[in-house]
Amino acid sequence: MNRTIELEGRRYIIAPMTFGQGRQIFKPDGDAFESNCTMVAACLNNADGGTRTAADIEALPYSDGSTLMNACLDLNGLRATGEAEAAQTTAK
């Protein structure tokens, strides 16, 4: 269930996180920005076997990072419940 996103000539392919990845990424009292960057890195890596890190995602243009974050939330079913609620539910 990969999804391709084209942004200003750059092509990104994302794939869903595993449940275990979600549990590691979203922790109570965790930094939301860091969690989001780690989530996007995981979704990109799951699609192509890459080794991107949260720091790599932070270096993306803002519009790309924001669009990718929203796409990853949607792909993983986290948008419907709200990012913060999903993060706390997943970490329990």
N, C-alpha and C. Protein backbone atom coordinates (compact mmCIF):
# COMPACT_ATOMS: atom_id res chain seq x y z
N MET A 1 0.84 -1.18 0.00
CA MET A 1 0.00 0.00 0.00
C MET A 1 0.88 1.25 0.00
N ASN A 2 1.83 1.31 -0.91
CA ASN A 2 2.69 2.48 -1.04
C ASN A 2 1.90 3.64 -1.65
N ARG A 3 2.34 4.84 -1.36
CA ARG A 3 1.73 6.04 -1.93
C ARG A 3 2.86 6.90 -2.48
N THR A 4 2.67 7.41 -3.69
CA THR A 4 3.65 8.29 -4.32
C THR A 4 3.17 9.73 -4.21
N ILE A 5 4.08 10.60 -3.82
CA ILE A 5 3.77 12.02 -3.67
C ILE A 5 4.79 12.80 -4.49
N GLU A 6 4.30 13.65 -5.38
CA GLU A 6 5.16 14.46 -6.24
C GLU A 6 5.07 15.91 -5.76
N LEU A 7 6.21 16.49 -5.40
CA LEU A 7 6.25 17.86 -4.89
C LEU A 7 7.34 18.65 -5.61
N GLU A 8 6.92 19.59 -6.43
CA GLU A 8 7.83 20.46 -7.16
C GLU A 8 8.98 19.68 -7.81
N GLY A 9 8.62 18.65 -8.54
CA GLY A 9 9.62 17.88 -9.26
C GLY A 9 10.33 16.82 -8.44
N ARG A 10 10.06 16.76 -7.14
CA ARG A 10 10.66 15.73 -6.29
C ARG A 10 9.60 14.66 -6.04
N ARG A 11 10.03 13.41 -6.15
CA ARG A 11 9.10 12.30 -5.97
C ARG A 11 9.44 11.55 -4.69
N TYR A 12 8.44 11.37 -3.85
CA TYR A 12 8.59 10.65 -2.60
C TYR A 12 7.63 9.46 -2.62
N ILE A 13 8.09 8.33 -2.14
CA ILE A 13 7.22 7.16 -1.99
C ILE A 13 7.21 6.81 -0.52
N ILE A 14 6.01 6.68 0.04
CA ILE A 14 5.87 6.33 1.45
C ILE A 14 5.11 5.02 1.58
N ALA A 15 5.36 4.32 2.65
CA ALA A 15 4.65 3.08 2.98
C ALA A 15 4.29 3.14 4.46
N PRO A 16 3.25 2.42 4.87
CA PRO A 16 2.82 2.47 6.27
C PRO A 16 3.91 2.00 7.24
N MET A 17 3.83 2.50 8.45
CA MET A 17 4.69 2.03 9.54
C MET A 17 4.19 0.67 10.00
N THR A 18 5.05 -0.06 10.65
CA THR A 18 4.60 -1.25 11.35
C THR A 18 4.08 -0.81 12.72
N PHE A 19 3.33 -1.67 13.36
CA PHE A 19 2.82 -1.34 14.69
C PHE A 19 3.98 -1.10 15.65
N GLY A 20 5.02 -1.91 15.54
CA GLY A 20 6.19 -1.75 16.41
C GLY A 20 6.88 -0.42 16.22
N GLN A 21 6.96 0.03 14.97
CA GLN A 21 7.56 1.35 14.72
C GLN A 21 6.74 2.44 15.38
N GLY A 22 5.43 2.37 15.23
CA GLY A 22 4.57 3.38 15.85
C GLY A 22 4.75 3.42 17.35
N ARG A 23 4.88 2.26 17.94
CA ARG A 23 5.06 2.19 19.39
C ARG A 23 6.39 2.82 19.82
N GLN A 24 7.43 2.63 19.02
CA GLN A 24 8.73 3.22 19.33
C GLN A 24 8.75 4.73 19.10
N ILE A 25 8.04 5.17 18.09
CA ILE A 25 8.09 6.59 17.71
C ILE A 25 7.24 7.46 18.62
N PHE A 26 6.00 7.05 18.87
CA PHE A 26 5.07 7.88 19.63
C PHE A 26 5.06 7.47 21.09
N LYS A 27 5.65 8.32 21.91
CA LYS A 27 5.74 8.04 23.34
C LYS A 27 5.09 9.19 24.12
N PRO A 28 4.47 8.87 25.24
CA PRO A 28 3.89 9.94 26.06
C PRO A 28 4.98 10.96 26.42
N ASP A 29 4.62 12.19 26.39
CA ASP A 29 5.53 13.30 26.72
C ASP A 29 6.69 13.42 25.74
N GLY A 30 6.60 12.75 24.58
CA GLY A 30 7.65 12.88 23.56
C GLY A 30 7.48 14.20 22.82
N ASP A 31 8.54 14.62 22.18
CA ASP A 31 8.51 15.85 21.39
C ASP A 31 7.75 15.57 20.09
N ALA A 32 6.68 16.29 19.84
CA ALA A 32 5.81 16.04 18.68
C ALA A 32 6.57 16.25 17.38
N PHE A 33 7.38 17.28 17.29
CA PHE A 33 8.12 17.55 16.06
C PHE A 33 9.08 16.40 15.76
N GLU A 34 9.82 15.97 16.74
CA GLU A 34 10.76 14.85 16.57
C GLU A 34 10.02 13.58 16.18
N SER A 35 8.90 13.32 16.82
CA SER A 35 8.10 12.14 16.49
C SER A 35 7.61 12.19 15.05
N ASN A 36 7.15 13.36 14.62
CA ASN A 36 6.66 13.50 13.25
C ASN A 36 7.79 13.29 12.23
N CYS A 37 8.96 13.85 12.51
CA CYS A 37 10.09 13.66 11.59
C CYS A 37 10.50 12.19 11.55
N THR A 38 10.50 11.53 12.68
CA THR A 38 10.85 10.11 12.73
C THR A 38 9.81 9.27 12.00
N MET A 39 8.54 9.65 12.13
CA MET A 39 7.47 8.93 11.43
C MET A 39 7.65 9.06 9.92
N VAL A 40 7.92 10.26 9.43
CA VAL A 40 8.11 10.45 7.99
C VAL A 40 9.31 9.65 7.50
N ALA A 41 10.40 9.67 8.26
CA ALA A 41 11.59 8.90 7.88
C ALA A 41 11.24 7.41 7.80
N ALA A 42 10.49 6.91 8.77
CA ALA A 42 10.11 5.50 8.77
C ALA A 42 9.26 5.17 7.56
N CYS A 43 8.31 6.02 7.22
CA CYS A 43 7.44 5.77 6.07
C CYS A 43 8.22 5.79 4.76
N LEU A 44 9.16 6.70 4.64
CA LEU A 44 10.00 6.73 3.43
C LEU A 44 10.90 5.50 3.37
N ASN A 45 11.50 5.15 4.50
CA ASN A 45 12.38 3.98 4.55
C ASN A 45 11.62 2.69 4.28
N ASN A 46 10.41 2.58 4.78
CA ASN A 46 9.60 1.37 4.56
C ASN A 46 9.27 1.19 3.08
N ALA A 47 9.20 2.28 2.34
CA ALA A 47 8.86 2.20 0.93
C ALA A 47 10.04 1.76 0.07
N ASP A 48 11.25 2.15 0.47
CA ASP A 48 12.38 1.86 -0.41
C ASP A 48 13.60 1.26 0.28
N GLY A 49 13.45 0.90 1.55
CA GLY A 49 14.58 0.29 2.26
C GLY A 49 15.70 1.27 2.58
N GLY A 50 15.39 2.56 2.57
CA GLY A 50 16.39 3.60 2.82
C GLY A 50 16.80 3.68 4.29
N THR A 51 17.67 4.62 4.56
CA THR A 51 18.18 4.81 5.92
C THR A 51 18.03 6.26 6.36
N ARG A 52 16.92 6.89 6.00
CA ARG A 52 16.73 8.28 6.40
C ARG A 52 16.52 8.40 7.90
N THR A 53 16.92 9.54 8.43
CA THR A 53 16.77 9.81 9.86
C THR A 53 15.85 11.02 10.04
N ALA A 54 15.48 11.28 11.28
CA ALA A 54 14.68 12.47 11.59
C ALA A 54 15.42 13.73 11.15
N ALA A 55 16.73 13.75 11.29
CA ALA A 55 17.52 14.92 10.87
C ALA A 55 17.41 15.14 9.36
N ASP A 56 17.35 14.06 8.59
CA ASP A 56 17.18 14.19 7.14
C ASP A 56 15.84 14.84 6.82
N ILE A 57 14.83 14.48 7.56
CA ILE A 57 13.50 15.04 7.32
C ILE A 57 13.46 16.51 7.73
N GLU A 58 14.13 16.86 8.81
CA GLU A 58 14.19 18.26 9.25
C GLU A 58 14.84 19.14 8.19
N ALA A 59 15.72 18.58 7.38
CA ALA A 59 16.43 19.34 6.36
C ALA A 59 15.61 19.54 5.08
N LEU A 60 14.47 18.89 4.96
CA LEU A 60 13.62 19.06 3.78
C LEU A 60 13.03 20.47 3.76
N PRO A 61 12.65 20.95 2.58
CA PRO A 61 11.91 22.21 2.54
C PRO A 61 10.64 22.07 3.38
N TYR A 62 10.25 23.15 4.03
CA TYR A 62 9.11 23.10 4.94
C TYR A 62 7.87 22.52 4.27
N SER A 63 7.56 23.00 3.06
CA SER A 63 6.34 22.54 2.40
C SER A 63 6.39 21.04 2.12
N ASP A 64 7.56 20.50 1.76
CA ASP A 64 7.68 19.06 1.53
C ASP A 64 7.49 18.28 2.83
N GLY A 65 8.15 18.72 3.87
CA GLY A 65 8.04 18.03 5.17
C GLY A 65 6.62 18.04 5.69
N SER A 66 5.96 19.17 5.57
CA SER A 66 4.59 19.29 6.05
C SER A 66 3.64 18.40 5.24
N THR A 67 3.79 18.41 3.93
CA THR A 67 2.94 17.58 3.08
C THR A 67 3.19 16.10 3.36
N LEU A 68 4.44 15.71 3.49
CA LEU A 68 4.77 14.32 3.79
C LEU A 68 4.24 13.90 5.15
N MET A 69 4.36 14.77 6.14
CA MET A 69 3.85 14.45 7.46
C MET A 69 2.34 14.17 7.40
N ASN A 70 1.60 15.05 6.73
CA ASN A 70 0.15 14.86 6.62
C ASN A 70 -0.18 13.58 5.86
N ALA A 71 0.57 13.30 4.81
CA ALA A 71 0.33 12.07 4.03
C ALA A 71 0.61 10.83 4.87
N CYS A 72 1.66 10.88 5.69
CA CYS A 72 1.99 9.74 6.55
C CYS A 72 0.93 9.55 7.63
N LEU A 73 0.43 10.63 8.19
CA LEU A 73 -0.66 10.52 9.17
C LEU A 73 -1.87 9.85 8.54
N ASP A 74 -2.22 10.28 7.33
CA ASP A 74 -3.36 9.69 6.63
C ASP A 74 -3.11 8.22 6.33
N LEU A 75 -1.95 7.90 5.78
CA LEU A 75 -1.62 6.53 5.38
C LEU A 75 -1.66 5.57 6.56
N ASN A 76 -1.29 6.05 7.73
CA ASN A 76 -1.24 5.21 8.92
C ASN A 76 -2.50 5.27 9.76
N GLY A 77 -3.51 5.99 9.28
CA GLY A 77 -4.77 6.08 10.00
C GLY A 77 -4.72 6.93 11.25
N LEU A 78 -3.73 7.79 11.34
CA LEU A 78 -3.59 8.62 12.54
C LEU A 78 -4.32 9.95 12.43
N ARG A 79 -4.66 10.35 11.25
CA ARG A 79 -5.33 11.65 11.05
C ARG A 79 -6.73 11.62 11.64
N ALA A 80 -7.43 10.52 11.50
CA ALA A 80 -8.82 10.42 11.94
C ALA A 80 -8.96 10.61 13.44
N THR A 81 -8.02 10.12 14.22
CA THR A 81 -8.12 10.22 15.67
C THR A 81 -7.40 11.43 16.21
N GLY A 82 -6.58 12.06 15.41
CA GLY A 82 -5.79 13.19 15.87
C GLY A 82 -4.41 12.72 16.25
N GLU A 83 -3.42 13.47 15.84
CA GLU A 83 -2.03 13.07 16.03
C GLU A 83 -1.69 12.82 17.50
N ALA A 84 -2.03 13.72 18.37
CA ALA A 84 -1.64 13.58 19.79
C ALA A 84 -2.34 12.39 20.42
N GLU A 85 -3.63 12.21 20.13
CA GLU A 85 -4.36 11.07 20.69
C GLU A 85 -3.76 9.76 20.20
N ALA A 86 -3.44 9.69 18.91
CA ALA A 86 -2.87 8.47 18.34
C ALA A 86 -1.51 8.18 18.97
N ALA A 87 -0.73 9.21 19.18
CA ALA A 87 0.59 9.01 19.76
C ALA A 87 0.47 8.43 21.17
N GLN A 88 -0.44 8.94 21.96
CA GLN A 88 -0.59 8.43 23.32
C GLN A 88 -1.20 7.03 23.33
N THR A 89 -2.15 6.78 22.45
CA THR A 89 -2.78 5.46 22.39
C THR A 89 -1.78 4.41 21.96
N THR A 90 -0.95 4.73 20.96
CA THR A 90 0.03 3.78 20.44
C THR A 90 1.10 3.45 21.47
N ALA A 91 1.46 4.42 22.31
CA ALA A 91 2.57 4.21 23.25
C ALA A 91 2.20 3.39 24.46
N LYS A 92 0.93 3.18 24.71
CA LYS A 92 0.52 2.44 25.93
C LYS A 92 0.82 0.98 25.82
